[in-house]
Amino acid sequence: MELSLLFLSYLTTINVLLFILMGFDKRQAVKRNRRISEKNLWLIAWIGGAAGGYLGMEIFRHKTKHRSFKVGMPVLIAIQVIVLLWYVMV
């Protein structure tokens, strides 16, 4: 039980983090300031934050013209949901 709560806390934190970073990066783009690299955004998405990244992408209208994000984030969410379901069932 304690491990499940820790895992849920991790997923919540990493998704909120990427959501915030997507908003921050959009703001930096509009201001033409230093940005967060796509590599770092993808890294956070791959370690569990894809849903937060996708939500941030849609709400902030950020990276929506990048095919890798528009297609890749939903695919990554599907993979993460499958892994999560496997984790819950085991």
PDB file of N, CA and C in Angstrom:
ATOM      1  N   MET A   1       0.821  -1.203   0.000  1.00  0.00           N
ATOM      2  CA  MET A   1       0.000   0.000   0.000  1.00  0.00           C
ATOM      3  C   MET A   1       0.859   1.260   0.000  1.00  0.00           C
ATOM      4  N   GLU A   2       1.870   1.290   0.840  1.00  0.00           N
ATOM      5  CA  GLU A   2       2.743   2.465   0.941  1.00  0.00           C
ATOM      6  C   GLU A   2       3.487   2.710  -0.374  1.00  0.00           C
ATOM      7  N   LEU A   3       3.922   1.629  -1.027  1.00  0.00           N
ATOM      8  CA  LEU A   3       4.611   1.760  -2.307  1.00  0.00           C
ATOM      9  C   LEU A   3       3.665   2.335  -3.365  1.00  0.00           C
ATOM     10  N   SER A   4       2.406   1.933  -3.359  1.00  0.00           N
ATOM     11  CA  SER A   4       1.424   2.453  -4.314  1.00  0.00           C
ATOM     12  C   SER A   4       1.199   3.944  -4.119  1.00  0.00           C
ATOM     13  N   LEU A   5       1.130   4.381  -2.871  1.00  0.00           N
ATOM     14  CA  LEU A   5       0.950   5.802  -2.578  1.00  0.00           C
ATOM     15  C   LEU A   5       2.175   6.598  -3.032  1.00  0.00           C
ATOM     16  N   LEU A   6       3.340   6.041  -2.823  1.00  0.00           N
ATOM     17  CA  LEU A   6       4.578   6.693  -3.268  1.00  0.00           C
ATOM     18  C   LEU A   6       4.609   6.804  -4.791  1.00  0.00           C
ATOM     19  N   PHE A   7       4.211   5.734  -5.471  1.00  0.00           N
ATOM     20  CA  PHE A   7       4.180   5.710  -6.929  1.00  0.00           C
ATOM     21  C   PHE A   7       3.172   6.727  -7.471  1.00  0.00           C
ATOM     22  N   LEU A   8       1.999   6.788  -6.861  1.00  0.00           N
ATOM     23  CA  LEU A   8       0.975   7.753  -7.263  1.00  0.00           C
ATOM     24  C   LEU A   8       1.455   9.189  -7.035  1.00  0.00           C
ATOM     25  N   SER A   9       2.131   9.420  -5.931  1.00  0.00           N
ATOM     26  CA  SER A   9       2.692  10.749  -5.643  1.00  0.00           C
ATOM     27  C   SER A   9       3.735  11.130  -6.686  1.00  0.00           C
ATOM     28  N   TYR A  10       4.566  10.163  -7.062  1.00  0.00           N
ATOM     29  CA  TYR A  10       5.589  10.407  -8.085  1.00  0.00           C
ATOM     30  C   TYR A  10       4.928  10.792  -9.409  1.00  0.00           C
ATOM     31  N   LEU A  11       3.945  10.002  -9.845  1.00  0.00           N
ATOM     32  CA  LEU A  11       3.280  10.286 -11.119  1.00  0.00           C
ATOM     33  C   LEU A  11       2.590  11.647 -11.110  1.00  0.00           C
ATOM     34  N   THR A  12       1.945  11.973 -10.010  1.00  0.00           N
ATOM     35  CA  THR A  12       1.289  13.276  -9.897  1.00  0.00           C
ATOM     36  C   THR A  12       2.312  14.396  -9.996  1.00  0.00           C
ATOM     37  N   THR A  13       3.393  14.275  -9.260  1.00  0.00           N
ATOM     38  CA  THR A  13       4.438  15.309  -9.238  1.00  0.00           C
ATOM     39  C   THR A  13       5.078  15.499 -10.604  1.00  0.00           C
ATOM     40  N   ILE A  14       5.432  14.410 -11.272  1.00  0.00           N
ATOM     41  CA  ILE A  14       6.135  14.507 -12.549  1.00  0.00           C
ATOM     42  C   ILE A  14       5.208  15.080 -13.630  1.00  0.00           C
ATOM     43  N   ASN A  15       3.916  14.756 -13.562  1.00  0.00           N
ATOM     44  CA  ASN A  15       2.959  15.304 -14.533  1.00  0.00           C
ATOM     45  C   ASN A  15       2.697  16.782 -14.295  1.00  0.00           C
ATOM     46  N   VAL A  16       2.558  17.178 -13.046  1.00  0.00           N
ATOM     47  CA  VAL A  16       2.375  18.600 -12.731  1.00  0.00           C
ATOM     48  C   VAL A  16       3.621  19.381 -13.143  1.00  0.00           C
ATOM     49  N   LEU A  17       4.798  18.808 -12.889  1.00  0.00           N
ATOM     50  CA  LEU A  17       6.050  19.468 -13.272  1.00  0.00           C
ATOM     51  C   LEU A  17       6.106  19.720 -14.771  1.00  0.00           C
ATOM     52  N   LEU A  18       5.812  18.706 -15.569  1.00  0.00           N
ATOM     53  CA  LEU A  18       5.901  18.903 -17.019  1.00  0.00           C
ATOM     54  C   LEU A  18       4.824  19.868 -17.516  1.00  0.00           C
ATOM     55  N   PHE A  19       3.646  19.827 -16.918  1.00  0.00           N
ATOM     56  CA  PHE A  19       2.600  20.783 -17.273  1.00  0.00           C
ATOM     57  C   PHE A  19       3.095  22.211 -17.040  1.00  0.00           C
ATOM     58  N   ILE A  20       3.680  22.457 -15.879  1.00  0.00           N
ATOM     59  CA  ILE A  20       4.204  23.789 -15.544  1.00  0.00           C
ATOM     60  C   ILE A  20       5.336  24.175 -16.487  1.00  0.00           C
ATOM     61  N   LEU A  21       6.218  23.230 -16.784  1.00  0.00           N
ATOM     62  CA  LEU A  21       7.341  23.527 -17.683  1.00  0.00           C
ATOM     63  C   LEU A  21       6.870  23.852 -19.095  1.00  0.00           C
ATOM     64  N   MET A  22       5.808  23.198 -19.547  1.00  0.00           N
ATOM     65  CA  MET A  22       5.272  23.519 -20.875  1.00  0.00           C
ATOM     66  C   MET A  22       4.751  24.955 -20.892  1.00  0.00           C
ATOM     67  N   GLY A  23       4.072  25.364 -19.838  1.00  0.00           N
ATOM     68  CA  GLY A  23       3.592  26.743 -19.743  1.00  0.00           C
ATOM     69  C   GLY A  23       4.735  27.733 -19.667  1.00  0.00           C
ATOM     70  N   PHE A  24       5.752  27.396 -18.880  1.00  0.00           N
ATOM     71  CA  PHE A  24       6.916  28.266 -18.744  1.00  0.00           C
ATOM     72  C   PHE A  24       7.650  28.399 -20.074  1.00  0.00           C
ATOM     73  N   ASP A  25       7.829  27.272 -20.764  1.00  0.00           N
ATOM     74  CA  ASP A  25       8.542  27.302 -22.044  1.00  0.00           C
ATOM     75  C   ASP A  25       7.773  28.106 -23.083  1.00  0.00           C
ATOM     76  N   LYS A  26       6.455  27.998 -23.067  1.00  0.00           N
ATOM     77  CA  LYS A  26       5.632  28.797 -23.992  1.00  0.00           C
ATOM     78  C   LYS A  26       5.823  30.282 -23.701  1.00  0.00           C
ATOM     79  N   ARG A  27       5.810  30.621 -22.426  1.00  0.00           N
ATOM     80  CA  ARG A  27       6.005  32.025 -22.038  1.00  0.00           C
ATOM     81  C   ARG A  27       7.387  32.520 -22.485  1.00  0.00           C
ATOM     82  N   GLN A  28       8.394  31.694 -22.306  1.00  0.00           N
ATOM     83  CA  GLN A  28       9.746  32.052 -22.735  1.00  0.00           C
ATOM     84  C   GLN A  28       9.801  32.215 -24.252  1.00  0.00           C
ATOM     85  N   ALA A  29       9.086  31.379 -24.972  1.00  0.00           N
ATOM     86  CA  ALA A  29       9.067  31.466 -26.440  1.00  0.00           C
ATOM     87  C   ALA A  29       8.444  32.776 -26.893  1.00  0.00           C
ATOM     88  N   VAL A  30       7.344  33.150 -26.262  1.00  0.00           N
ATOM     89  CA  VAL A  30       6.669  34.399 -26.625  1.00  0.00           C
ATOM     90  C   VAL A  30       7.581  35.591 -26.350  1.00  0.00           C
ATOM     91  N   LYS A  31       8.305  35.542 -25.239  1.00  0.00           N
ATOM     92  CA  LYS A  31       9.207  36.635 -24.867  1.00  0.00           C
ATOM     93  C   LYS A  31      10.545  36.573 -25.602  1.00  0.00           C
ATOM     94  N   ARG A  32      10.743  35.483 -26.351  1.00  0.00           N
ATOM     95  CA  ARG A  32      12.010  35.235 -27.056  1.00  0.00           C
ATOM     96  C   ARG A  32      13.191  35.169 -26.088  1.00  0.00           C
ATOM     97  N   ASN A  33      12.958  34.524 -24.959  1.00  0.00           N
ATOM     98  CA  ASN A  33      13.999  34.302 -23.947  1.00  0.00           C
ATOM     99  C   ASN A  33      14.525  32.875 -24.041  1.00  0.00           C
ATOM    100  N   ARG A  34      15.485  32.579 -23.183  1.00  0.00           N
ATOM    101  CA  ARG A  34      16.079  31.243 -23.132  1.00  0.00           C
ATOM    102  C   ARG A  34      14.995  30.207 -22.846  1.00  0.00           C
ATOM    103  N   ARG A  35      15.032  29.092 -23.594  1.00  0.00           N
ATOM    104  CA  ARG A  35      13.988  28.075 -23.563  1.00  0.00           C
ATOM    105  C   ARG A  35      14.463  26.788 -22.906  1.00  0.00           C
ATOM    106  N   ILE A  36      13.513  25.933 -22.619  1.00  0.00           N
ATOM    107  CA  ILE A  36      13.799  24.579 -22.144  1.00  0.00           C
ATOM    108  C   ILE A  36      13.974  23.713 -23.387  1.00  0.00           C
ATOM    109  N   SER A  37      15.018  22.906 -23.413  1.00  0.00           N
ATOM    110  CA  SER A  37      15.272  22.109 -24.608  1.00  0.00           C
ATOM    111  C   SER A  37      14.198  21.033 -24.774  1.00  0.00           C
ATOM    112  N   GLU A  38      13.921  20.710 -26.034  1.00  0.00           N
ATOM    113  CA  GLU A  38      12.958  19.650 -26.319  1.00  0.00           C
ATOM    114  C   GLU A  38      13.429  18.339 -25.717  1.00  0.00           C
ATOM    115  N   LYS A  39      14.730  18.134 -25.708  1.00  0.00           N
ATOM    116  CA  LYS A  39      15.293  16.918 -25.117  1.00  0.00           C
ATOM    117  C   LYS A  39      14.881  16.786 -23.655  1.00  0.00           C
ATOM    118  N   ASN A  40      14.936  17.881 -22.907  1.00  0.00           N
ATOM    119  CA  ASN A  40      14.552  17.838 -21.502  1.00  0.00           C
ATOM    120  C   ASN A  40      13.053  17.651 -21.320  1.00  0.00           C
ATOM    121  N   LEU A  41      12.257  18.268 -22.181  1.00  0.00           N
ATOM    122  CA  LEU A  41      10.811  18.070 -22.111  1.00  0.00           C
ATOM    123  C   LEU A  41      10.466  16.602 -22.376  1.00  0.00           C
ATOM    124  N   TRP A  42      11.115  16.013 -23.377  1.00  0.00           N
ATOM    125  CA  TRP A  42      10.867  14.604 -23.688  1.00  0.00           C
ATOM    126  C   TRP A  42      11.359  13.692 -22.564  1.00  0.00           C
ATOM    127  N   LEU A  43      12.474  14.028 -21.953  1.00  0.00           N
ATOM    128  CA  LEU A  43      12.993  13.211 -20.850  1.00  0.00           C
ATOM    129  C   LEU A  43      11.969  13.130 -19.723  1.00  0.00           C
ATOM    130  N   ILE A  44      11.403  14.257 -19.357  1.00  0.00           N
ATOM    131  CA  ILE A  44      10.408  14.281 -18.282  1.00  0.00           C
ATOM    132  C   ILE A  44       9.148  13.529 -18.709  1.00  0.00           C
ATOM    133  N   ALA A  45       8.783  13.648 -19.975  1.00  0.00           N
ATOM    134  CA  ALA A  45       7.625  12.904 -20.482  1.00  0.00           C
ATOM    135  C   ALA A  45       7.881  11.397 -20.389  1.00  0.00           C
ATOM    136  N   TRP A  46       9.073  10.967 -20.773  1.00  0.00           N
ATOM    137  CA  TRP A  46       9.404   9.537 -20.774  1.00  0.00           C
ATOM    138  C   TRP A  46       9.464   8.939 -19.378  1.00  0.00           C
ATOM    139  N   ILE A  47       9.791   9.731 -18.385  1.00  0.00           N
ATOM    140  CA  ILE A  47       9.874   9.176 -17.027  1.00  0.00           C
ATOM    141  C   ILE A  47       8.548   9.285 -16.284  1.00  0.00           C
ATOM    142  N   GLY A  48       7.464   9.483 -17.022  1.00  0.00           N
ATOM    143  CA  GLY A  48       6.139   9.413 -16.430  1.00  0.00           C
ATOM    144  C   GLY A  48       5.268  10.634 -16.590  1.00  0.00           C
ATOM    145  N   GLY A  49       5.765  11.692 -17.228  1.00  0.00           N
ATOM    146  CA  GLY A  49       5.010  12.935 -17.289  1.00  0.00           C
ATOM    147  C   GLY A  49       4.293  13.227 -18.587  1.00  0.00           C
ATOM    148  N   ALA A  50       4.060  12.220 -19.394  1.00  0.00           N
ATOM    149  CA  ALA A  50       3.465  12.448 -20.717  1.00  0.00           C
ATOM    150  C   ALA A  50       2.073  13.070 -20.649  1.00  0.00           C
ATOM    151  N   ALA A  51       1.258  12.649 -19.713  1.00  0.00           N
ATOM    152  CA  ALA A  51      -0.099  13.199 -19.614  1.00  0.00           C
ATOM    153  C   ALA A  51      -0.058  14.686 -19.268  1.00  0.00           C
ATOM    154  N   GLY A  52       0.799  15.059 -18.345  1.00  0.00           N
ATOM    155  CA  GLY A  52       0.952  16.473 -17.994  1.00  0.00           C
ATOM    156  C   GLY A  52       1.509  17.280 -19.155  1.00  0.00           C
ATOM    157  N   GLY A  53       2.426  16.678 -19.902  1.00  0.00           N
ATOM    158  CA  GLY A  53       2.978  17.342 -21.077  1.00  0.00           C
ATOM    159  C   GLY A  53       1.936  17.561 -22.151  1.00  0.00           C
ATOM    160  N   TYR A  54       1.099  16.548 -22.369  1.00  0.00           N
ATOM    161  CA  TYR A  54       0.047  16.672 -23.385  1.00  0.00           C
ATOM    162  C   TYR A  54      -0.985  17.716 -22.975  1.00  0.00           C
ATOM    163  N   LEU A  55      -1.366  17.687 -21.714  1.00  0.00           N
ATOM    164  CA  LEU A  55      -2.323  18.674 -21.217  1.00  0.00           C
ATOM    165  C   LEU A  55      -1.755  20.088 -21.345  1.00  0.00           C
ATOM    166  N   GLY A  56      -0.481  20.258 -20.977  1.00  0.00           N
ATOM    167  CA  GLY A  56       0.178  21.555 -21.120  1.00  0.00           C
ATOM    168  C   GLY A  56       0.274  21.989 -22.571  1.00  0.00           C
ATOM    169  N   MET A  57       0.534  21.031 -23.439  1.00  0.00           N
ATOM    170  CA  MET A  57       0.624  21.305 -24.867  1.00  0.00           C
ATOM    171  C   MET A  57      -0.696  21.857 -25.384  1.00  0.00           C
ATOM    172  N   GLU A  58      -1.784  21.252 -24.994  1.00  0.00           N
ATOM    173  CA  GLU A  58      -3.103  21.663 -25.467  1.00  0.00           C
ATOM    174  C   GLU A  58      -3.559  22.972 -24.807  1.00  0.00           C
ATOM    175  N   ILE A  59      -3.375  23.104 -23.521  1.00  0.00           N
ATOM    176  CA  ILE A  59      -3.846  24.303 -22.825  1.00  0.00           C
ATOM    177  C   ILE A  59      -3.033  25.538 -23.207  1.00  0.00           C
ATOM    178  N   PHE A  60      -1.715  25.390 -23.278  1.00  0.00           N
ATOM    179  CA  PHE A  60      -0.861  26.538 -23.597  1.00  0.00           C
ATOM    180  C   PHE A  60      -0.629  26.701 -25.093  1.00  0.00           C
ATOM    181  N   ARG A  61      -1.212  25.792 -25.908  1.00  0.00           N
ATOM    182  CA  ARG A  61      -1.006  25.804 -27.361  1.00  0.00           C
ATOM    183  C   ARG A  61       0.489  25.855 -27.677  1.00  0.00           C
ATOM    184  N   HIS A  62       1.213  24.931 -27.067  1.00  0.00           N
ATOM    185  CA  HIS A  62       2.666  24.911 -27.184  1.00  0.00           C
ATOM    186  C   HIS A  62       3.129  23.586 -27.786  1.00  0.00           C
ATOM    187  N   LYS A  63       3.971  23.661 -28.774  1.00  0.00           N
ATOM    188  CA  LYS A  63       4.533  22.507 -29.480  1.00  0.00           C
ATOM    189  C   LYS A  63       3.483  21.769 -30.309  1.00  0.00           C
ATOM    190  N   THR A  64       2.355  22.388 -30.553  1.00  0.00           N
ATOM    191  CA  THR A  64       1.283  21.714 -31.285  1.00  0.00           C
ATOM    192  C   THR A  64       1.569  21.597 -32.780  1.00  0.00           C
ATOM    193  N   LYS A  65       2.509  22.353 -33.288  1.00  0.00           N
ATOM    194  CA  LYS A  65       2.871  22.252 -34.704  1.00  0.00           C
ATOM    195  C   LYS A  65       4.018  21.263 -34.914  1.00  0.00           C
ATOM    196  N   HIS A  66       4.571  20.764 -33.825  1.00  0.00           N
ATOM    197  CA  HIS A  66       5.655  19.785 -33.909  1.00  0.00           C
ATOM    198  C   HIS A  66       5.041  18.388 -33.976  1.00  0.00           C
ATOM    199  N   ARG A  67       5.204  17.752 -35.108  1.00  0.00           N
ATOM    200  CA  ARG A  67       4.621  16.428 -35.298  1.00  0.00           C
ATOM    201  C   ARG A  67       5.088  15.446 -34.226  1.00  0.00           C
ATOM    202  N   SER A  68       6.361  15.550 -33.824  1.00  0.00           N
ATOM    203  CA  SER A  68       6.884  14.624 -32.821  1.00  0.00           C
ATOM    204  C   SER A  68       6.126  14.757 -31.497  1.00  0.00           C
ATOM    205  N   PHE A  69       5.716  15.958 -31.156  1.00  0.00           N
ATOM    206  CA  PHE A  69       4.950  16.163 -29.922  1.00  0.00           C
ATOM    207  C   PHE A  69       3.487  15.804 -30.127  1.00  0.00           C
ATOM    208  N   LYS A  70       2.902  16.233 -31.233  1.00  0.00           N
ATOM    209  CA  LYS A  70       1.472  16.027 -31.501  1.00  0.00           C
ATOM    210  C   LYS A  70       1.132  14.540 -31.586  1.00  0.00           C
ATOM    211  N   VAL A  71       2.035  13.745 -32.144  1.00  0.00           N
ATOM    212  CA  VAL A  71       1.811  12.308 -32.267  1.00  0.00           C
ATOM    213  C   VAL A  71       2.473  11.556 -31.112  1.00  0.00           C
ATOM    214  N   GLY A  72       3.668  11.983 -30.769  1.00  0.00           N
ATOM    215  CA  GLY A  72       4.465  11.262 -29.776  1.00  0.00           C
ATOM    216  C   GLY A  72       3.887  11.266 -28.375  1.00  0.00           C
ATOM    217  N   MET A  73       3.354  12.384 -27.940  1.00  0.00           N
ATOM    218  CA  MET A  73       2.800  12.453 -26.577  1.00  0.00           C
ATOM    219  C   MET A  73       1.632  11.484 -26.385  1.00  0.00           C
ATOM    220  N   PRO A  74       0.639  11.451 -27.288  1.00  0.00           N
ATOM    221  CA  PRO A  74      -0.441  10.467 -27.100  1.00  0.00           C
ATOM    222  C   PRO A  74       0.052   9.012 -27.123  1.00  0.00           C
ATOM    223  N   VAL A  75       1.015   8.716 -27.990  1.00  0.00           N
ATOM    224  CA  VAL A  75       1.576   7.362 -28.037  1.00  0.00           C
ATOM    225  C   VAL A  75       2.259   7.045 -26.709  1.00  0.00           C
ATOM    226  N   LEU A  76       3.011   7.989 -26.202  1.00  0.00           N
ATOM    227  CA  LEU A  76       3.704   7.792 -24.930  1.00  0.00           C
ATOM    228  C   LEU A  76       2.704   7.639 -23.784  1.00  0.00           C
ATOM    229  N   ILE A  77       1.613   8.392 -23.820  1.00  0.00           N
ATOM    230  CA  ILE A  77       0.567   8.238 -22.800  1.00  0.00           C
ATOM    231  C   ILE A  77       0.005   6.813 -22.849  1.00  0.00           C
ATOM    232  N   ALA A  78      -0.259   6.303 -24.035  1.00  0.00           N
ATOM    233  CA  ALA A  78      -0.791   4.942 -24.174  1.00  0.00           C
ATOM    234  C   ALA A  78       0.183   3.919 -23.586  1.00  0.00           C
ATOM    235  N   ILE A  79       1.452   4.084 -23.876  1.00  0.00           N
ATOM    236  CA  ILE A  79       2.471   3.178 -23.329  1.00  0.00           C
ATOM    237  C   ILE A  79       2.482   3.261 -21.807  1.00  0.00           C
ATOM    238  N   GLN A  80       2.426   4.476 -21.280  1.00  0.00           N
ATOM    239  CA  GLN A  80       2.466   4.642 -19.833  1.00  0.00           C
ATOM    240  C   GLN A  80       1.202   4.092 -19.160  1.00  0.00           C
ATOM    241  N   VAL A  81       0.056   4.209 -19.806  1.00  0.00           N
ATOM    242  CA  VAL A  81      -1.179   3.638 -19.259  1.00  0.00           C
ATOM    243  C   VAL A  81      -1.075   2.117 -19.221  1.00  0.00           C
ATOM    244  N   ILE A  82      -0.542   1.522 -20.272  1.00  0.00           N
ATOM    245  CA  ILE A  82      -0.359   0.066 -20.311  1.00  0.00           C
ATOM    246  C   ILE A  82       0.567  -0.378 -19.181  1.00  0.00           C
ATOM    247  N   VAL A  83       1.661   0.333 -18.997  1.00  0.00           N
ATOM    248  CA  VAL A  83       2.597   0.005 -17.918  1.00  0.00           C
ATOM    249  C   VAL A  83       1.922   0.170 -16.561  1.00  0.00           C
ATOM    250  N   LEU A  84       1.154   1.223 -16.392  1.00  0.00           N
ATOM    251  CA  LEU A  84       0.447   1.474 -15.137  1.00  0.00           C
ATOM    252  C   LEU A  84      -0.570   0.359 -14.853  1.00  0.00           C
ATOM    253  N   LEU A  85      -1.317  -0.041 -15.876  1.00  0.00           N
ATOM    254  CA  LEU A  85      -2.278  -1.143 -15.707  1.00  0.00           C
ATOM    255  C   LEU A  85      -1.568  -2.431 -15.342  1.00  0.00           C
ATOM    256  N   TRP A  86      -0.449  -2.697 -15.981  1.00  0.00           N
ATOM    257  CA  TRP A  86       0.335  -3.880 -15.660  1.00  0.00           C
ATOM    258  C   TRP A  86       0.793  -3.830 -14.204  1.00  0.00           C
ATOM    259  N   TYR A  87       1.250  -2.655 -13.768  1.00  0.00           N
ATOM    260  CA  TYR A  87       1.716  -2.462 -12.392  1.00  0.00           C
ATOM    261  C   TYR A  87       0.586  -2.723 -11.390  1.00  0.00           C
ATOM    262  N   VAL A  88      -0.603  -2.232 -11.699  1.00  0.00           N
ATOM    263  CA  VAL A  88      -1.756  -2.392 -10.806  1.00  0.00           C
ATOM    264  C   VAL A  88      -2.191  -3.851 -10.737  1.00  0.00           C
ATOM    265  N   MET A  89      -2.114  -4.558 -11.861  1.00  0.00           N
ATOM    266  CA  MET A  89      -2.576  -5.950 -11.897  1.00  0.00           C
ATOM    267  C   MET A  89      -1.589  -6.929 -11.288  1.00  0.00           C
ATOM    268  N   VAL A  90      -0.350  -6.561 -11.213  1.00  0.00           N
ATOM    269  CA  VAL A  90       0.672  -7.484 -10.668  1.00  0.00           C
ATOM    270  C   VAL A  90       0.743  -7.392  -9.178  1.00  0.00           C
TER     271      VAL A  90
END
